[in-house]
Structures are given as structure tokens and as C-alpha cells.
Amino acid sequence: MPPLLHLSMSEFINPKLFRALRAKQATPNVKLTTIPLNHKESFELWTPKWTPKGRVFTKLEIELLRRDQPRLARILSKMVWLMGVICISEDDWDIGDRQPIYDWDDLIEFVQREGNCINPIVTEVIFSPHAIIPIYDSERKQEGRIPPQAWEISPPHWSIIFDDLLPTRQGFRLKQSADWISVDIWTGKPMRREVSSGERYVEYHDLYASKRS
């Protein structure tokens, strides 16, 4: 699985897709974010401004999110085809060396099933760079003063977050419930190494079909 950093994405994804649709009026409840693809290229994404109690979106904002989905699907389906996406159910603890999915339609089927989604749409993409993370037992409060129980090596990855676009008499609305779904595209396998035993294994530590409240 080649790291995306070494590819010219403009030769793989049409750079005209990198720019999001432009709003014709004010959109106070959504923000335009930039998602890196590599050290040179990125794409834009309209992201809802979430609040703990949810937020009411205007018809224009919902239409902007809805109309921009085909562009996002073309970008993300290319990334899924190239690197694969890891899809793990919330109650699935037998992760191990999980095989990725390379087909966008299969990914959408997973999201519909696990998130009870009627019409899943991408509402956020989060890029996490390479990280080496010390892991401490939850009962060991002296971080930095005693060795960690393990170390995690996390390659760069993208988390794709979906919501559900529900039809109403007035048009559509976002579900904004605890059934949001998140799946990840990894550039490599995240590994954990135990300090005491030296055991080393694949650990998708922050990856599952998220139940977010």
C-alpha cells in the first residue's frame, strides 16, 4: 500500500474537483475547510458547525451540502480505491489485521447498515498526521514519571464522517443524532508495541463506526 505522499494527486484526481461549490448567499452554519492530500495538494469541504444540541440549517446550506456530495464522492472514492478504507462496527472488538474495502459502494452500504442511514452524506473529513503515542494504563496517574505500558505508531490517515440527509416536506434536514458514522483511510498499518513483553500488533485504536453524541 503506497503512501499517498509520494504520488501526484493531480494526475490521479482531477484538480478541478479540489474546489468546493461556492455559496451564493451567506451560510453562517457551515464553514469551508481545507483537507490535505499531500504536502502540495488539498481539497475543500463544507462542514456543518456542530453544537451539543444540534443546529438548524437553512435550505441554502442543506442544498449546498447536498449538491457538493457528487464532487466529494469522486475524490474520496479515488482515495478508497487507492488505499482502501477500514470499516469496523462499534461492537466489533476482533480487529486484528483487518482487510480494507476498496469499493465506494461497499463503503456506503456499510454506512447505511451500521448507522441506520437513509441517504448518507459526508459532513467532515479529518486528516491526522503521523504520530508516536505513549499509552498509559488508566489507573497510572504519573505520566512522564514512569514508563508507559505501550507505544502506538500511527501513520497518517483520514477519518471520513457521515451524517444522514432526511427528506422533509420542506426539503431535507440532517439527522444530527448519535448515529453518525466514521471510517478511516490509512496510509499504513497502525501498530502498538507493549513495553513489558515486546509484543507488536496492529491496533486501529481510534477507528470504528462511531456513536457520537
Protein backbone atom coordinates (compact mmCIF):
# COMPACT_ATOMS: atom_id res chain seq x y z
CA MET A 1 0.00 0.00 0.00
CA PRO A 2 1.97 3.08 -1.18
CA PRO A 3 1.98 6.25 0.92
CA LEU A 4 -0.08 8.99 -0.72
CA LEU A 5 2.73 11.45 -0.06
CA HIS A 6 4.75 10.03 -2.97
CA LEU A 7 2.01 10.44 -5.57
CA SER A 8 0.99 13.47 -7.60
CA MET A 9 -2.70 13.58 -6.86
CA SER A 10 -3.41 15.98 -9.72
CA GLU A 11 -2.51 13.08 -12.05
CA PHE A 12 -4.92 10.79 -10.21
CA ILE A 13 -7.77 13.12 -9.20
CA ASN A 14 -8.90 15.95 -11.46
CA PRO A 15 -7.69 19.13 -9.68
CA LYS A 16 -10.92 20.87 -10.75
CA LEU A 17 -12.61 18.74 -8.07
CA PHE A 18 -10.43 20.16 -5.29
CA ARG A 19 -12.51 23.33 -5.00
CA ALA A 20 -15.91 23.21 -3.29
CA LEU A 21 -19.09 24.73 -4.68
CA ARG A 22 -19.40 28.39 -3.79
CA ALA A 23 -22.39 29.65 -1.82
CA LYS A 24 -24.46 32.38 -3.47
CA GLN A 25 -25.65 33.72 -0.11
CA ALA A 26 -24.45 33.80 3.49
CA THR A 27 -24.01 30.39 5.14
CA PRO A 28 -23.44 31.04 8.88
CA ASN A 29 -24.00 27.42 9.93
CA VAL A 30 -21.39 25.81 7.69
CA LYS A 31 -17.70 26.52 7.24
CA LEU A 32 -15.30 25.85 4.40
CA THR A 33 -12.41 23.62 5.49
CA THR A 34 -9.26 22.53 3.67
CA ILE A 35 -8.24 18.86 3.78
CA PRO A 36 -4.62 17.99 2.85
CA LEU A 37 -3.98 15.23 0.34
CA ASN A 38 -0.20 15.53 0.44
CA HIS A 39 2.40 18.22 1.10
CA LYS A 40 1.35 20.16 -2.03
CA GLU A 41 -2.31 19.49 -2.69
CA SER A 42 -5.59 19.66 -0.79
CA PHE A 43 -9.32 19.78 -1.34
CA GLU A 44 -12.13 21.85 0.15
CA LEU A 45 -15.14 20.65 2.13
CA TRP A 46 -18.22 22.38 3.54
CA THR A 47 -18.51 21.30 7.19
CA PRO A 48 -21.52 21.93 9.46
CA LYS A 49 -20.80 23.89 12.63
CA TRP A 50 -21.96 21.35 15.20
CA THR A 51 -23.27 22.29 18.63
CA PRO A 52 -24.15 19.95 21.54
CA LYS A 53 -27.87 20.46 20.92
CA GLY A 54 -27.65 20.40 17.14
CA ARG A 55 -28.18 23.30 14.79
CA VAL A 56 -30.92 24.33 12.38
CA PHE A 57 -29.60 24.74 8.84
CA THR A 58 -31.14 26.91 6.16
CA LYS A 59 -32.45 25.41 2.93
CA LEU A 60 -29.50 27.00 1.13
CA GLU A 61 -26.99 25.37 3.49
CA ILE A 62 -28.60 21.94 3.16
CA GLU A 63 -28.72 22.33 -0.62
CA LEU A 64 -25.05 23.36 -0.66
CA LEU A 65 -24.08 20.23 1.30
CA ARG A 66 -26.29 18.03 -0.87
CA ARG A 67 -25.14 19.38 -4.24
CA ASP A 68 -21.47 19.11 -3.31
CA GLN A 69 -21.68 15.39 -2.46
CA PRO A 70 -21.01 14.04 -6.01
CA ARG A 71 -17.72 16.00 -6.10
CA LEU A 72 -16.68 14.67 -2.69
CA ALA A 73 -17.66 11.13 -3.64
CA ARG A 74 -15.45 11.32 -6.74
CA ILE A 75 -12.48 12.46 -4.64
CA LEU A 76 -12.97 10.03 -1.77
CA SER A 77 -13.85 7.06 -3.97
CA LYS A 78 -10.47 7.51 -5.68
CA MET A 79 -8.73 7.53 -2.29
CA VAL A 80 -10.70 4.46 -1.19
CA TRP A 81 -9.76 2.65 -4.40
CA LEU A 82 -6.09 3.55 -3.97
CA MET A 83 -5.56 2.85 -0.27
CA GLY A 84 -8.71 1.15 0.98
CA VAL A 85 -10.90 2.10 3.91
CA ILE A 86 -11.12 0.24 7.21
CA CYS A 87 -14.73 -0.28 8.34
CA ILE A 88 -15.25 -1.58 11.86
CA SER A 89 -18.57 -1.91 13.64
CA GLU A 90 -18.96 -0.29 17.05
CA ASP A 91 -19.28 -3.65 18.83
CA ASP A 92 -16.54 -5.36 16.78
CA TRP A 93 -13.55 -5.98 19.04
CA ASP A 94 -11.90 -8.65 16.89
CA ILE A 95 -10.00 -6.09 14.80
CA GLY A 96 -6.62 -7.71 14.26
CA ASP A 97 -5.20 -7.27 10.78
CA ARG A 98 -8.47 -6.09 9.24
CA GLN A 99 -8.66 -6.10 5.45
CA PRO A 100 -9.66 -2.78 3.86
CA ILE A 101 -12.59 -2.16 1.50
CA TYR A 102 -11.65 -0.72 -1.90
CA ASP A 103 -15.09 -0.07 -3.36
CA TRP A 104 -17.02 3.13 -2.58
CA ASP A 105 -20.42 1.45 -2.99
CA ASP A 106 -19.42 -1.19 -0.43
CA LEU A 107 -18.39 1.58 1.96
CA ILE A 108 -21.75 3.34 1.54
CA GLU A 109 -23.55 0.04 2.17
CA PHE A 110 -21.62 -0.34 5.43
CA VAL A 111 -22.50 3.21 6.50
CA GLN A 112 -26.19 2.69 5.69
CA ARG A 113 -26.28 -0.54 7.67
CA GLU A 114 -24.23 0.45 10.73
CA GLY A 115 -25.57 3.99 11.01
CA ASN A 116 -29.17 3.30 10.04
CA CYS A 117 -28.70 5.88 7.32
CA ILE A 118 -31.19 6.51 4.53
CA ASN A 119 -29.10 8.92 2.49
CA PRO A 120 -25.55 9.15 3.95
CA ILE A 121 -23.55 12.25 3.10
CA VAL A 122 -20.00 13.23 4.02
CA THR A 123 -20.06 16.11 6.51
CA GLU A 124 -16.44 16.10 7.67
CA VAL A 125 -13.02 14.69 6.78
CA ILE A 126 -10.30 14.84 9.44
CA PHE A 127 -6.64 14.38 8.50
CA SER A 128 -4.36 13.04 11.25
CA PRO A 129 -0.60 13.18 10.57
CA HIS A 130 1.99 10.62 11.66
CA ALA A 131 2.26 10.28 15.44
CA ILE A 132 4.11 8.17 18.03
CA ILE A 133 1.94 7.99 21.14
CA PRO A 134 2.77 6.67 24.64
CA ILE A 135 -0.05 4.58 26.14
CA TYR A 136 -0.58 4.63 29.91
CA ASP A 137 -2.87 2.46 31.99
CA SER A 138 -5.96 4.42 33.04
CA GLU A 139 -5.07 3.86 36.71
CA ARG A 140 -1.47 5.05 36.35
CA LYS A 141 -1.61 8.79 37.03
CA GLN A 142 2.12 9.55 36.87
CA GLU A 143 2.55 10.11 33.14
CA GLY A 144 6.10 11.18 32.35
CA ARG A 145 7.43 9.83 35.67
CA ILE A 146 7.04 6.12 34.94
CA PRO A 147 7.37 4.28 31.61
CA PRO A 148 4.22 3.85 29.52
CA GLN A 149 2.70 0.39 29.17
CA ALA A 150 2.90 0.57 25.37
CA TRP A 151 3.69 2.77 22.38
CA GLU A 152 1.46 3.32 19.37
CA ILE A 153 2.82 4.23 15.94
CA SER A 154 0.05 5.91 13.99
CA PRO A 155 0.61 6.54 10.23
CA PRO A 156 -1.14 9.46 8.52
CA HIS A 157 -4.84 8.78 7.94
CA TRP A 158 -8.13 10.41 7.05
CA SER A 159 -11.34 9.94 9.05
CA ILE A 160 -14.48 10.30 6.91
CA ILE A 161 -17.53 11.30 8.94
CA PHE A 162 -21.03 10.73 7.58
CA ASP A 163 -24.43 12.07 8.59
CA ASP A 164 -27.86 11.24 7.22
CA LEU A 165 -29.83 13.55 4.92
CA LEU A 166 -33.52 13.02 5.69
CA PRO A 167 -36.38 14.15 3.43
CA THR A 168 -38.96 16.56 4.87
CA ARG A 169 -41.96 18.45 3.50
CA GLN A 170 -39.73 21.49 3.11
CA GLY A 171 -36.82 19.61 1.51
CA PHE A 172 -34.13 17.89 3.58
CA ARG A 173 -32.55 18.04 7.03
CA LEU A 174 -29.52 16.48 8.72
CA LYS A 175 -30.25 13.79 11.28
CA GLN A 176 -27.55 15.09 13.70
CA SER A 177 -28.05 12.13 16.01
CA ALA A 178 -25.87 9.61 17.81
CA ASP A 179 -25.82 7.52 14.63
CA TRP A 180 -23.06 9.45 12.89
CA ILE A 181 -20.58 7.12 11.24
CA SER A 182 -16.80 7.46 10.91
CA VAL A 183 -14.47 5.25 8.86
CA ASP A 184 -10.77 5.70 8.15
CA ILE A 185 -8.37 5.63 5.22
CA TRP A 186 -4.87 4.71 6.41
CA THR A 187 -1.57 5.15 4.57
CA GLY A 188 -0.17 2.21 6.55
CA LYS A 189 -0.97 -0.11 9.44
CA PRO A 190 -1.13 1.45 12.92
CA MET A 191 0.97 -0.62 15.30
CA ARG A 192 1.22 -1.00 19.07
CA ARG A 193 4.24 -2.37 20.93
CA GLU A 194 3.98 -3.46 24.56
CA VAL A 195 6.84 -2.29 26.77
CA SER A 196 6.95 -5.30 29.13
CA SER A 197 6.51 -8.15 26.64
CA GLY A 198 7.76 -6.52 23.45
CA GLU A 199 4.66 -7.83 21.65
CA ARG A 200 3.87 -5.90 18.47
CA TYR A 201 0.49 -5.96 16.75
CA VAL A 202 -1.89 -3.97 14.56
CA GLU A 203 -4.00 -1.55 16.60
CA TYR A 204 -6.71 0.56 14.96
CA HIS A 205 -7.06 2.48 18.20
CA ASP A 206 -9.46 5.27 17.15
CA LEU A 207 -11.33 3.50 14.41
CA TYR A 208 -14.90 2.19 14.49
CA ALA A 209 -18.39 3.07 13.40
CA SER A 210 -18.64 5.95 15.82
CA LYS A 211 -21.63 6.65 18.02
CA ARG A 212 -21.17 10.35 18.59
CA SER A 213 -23.40 12.37 20.93
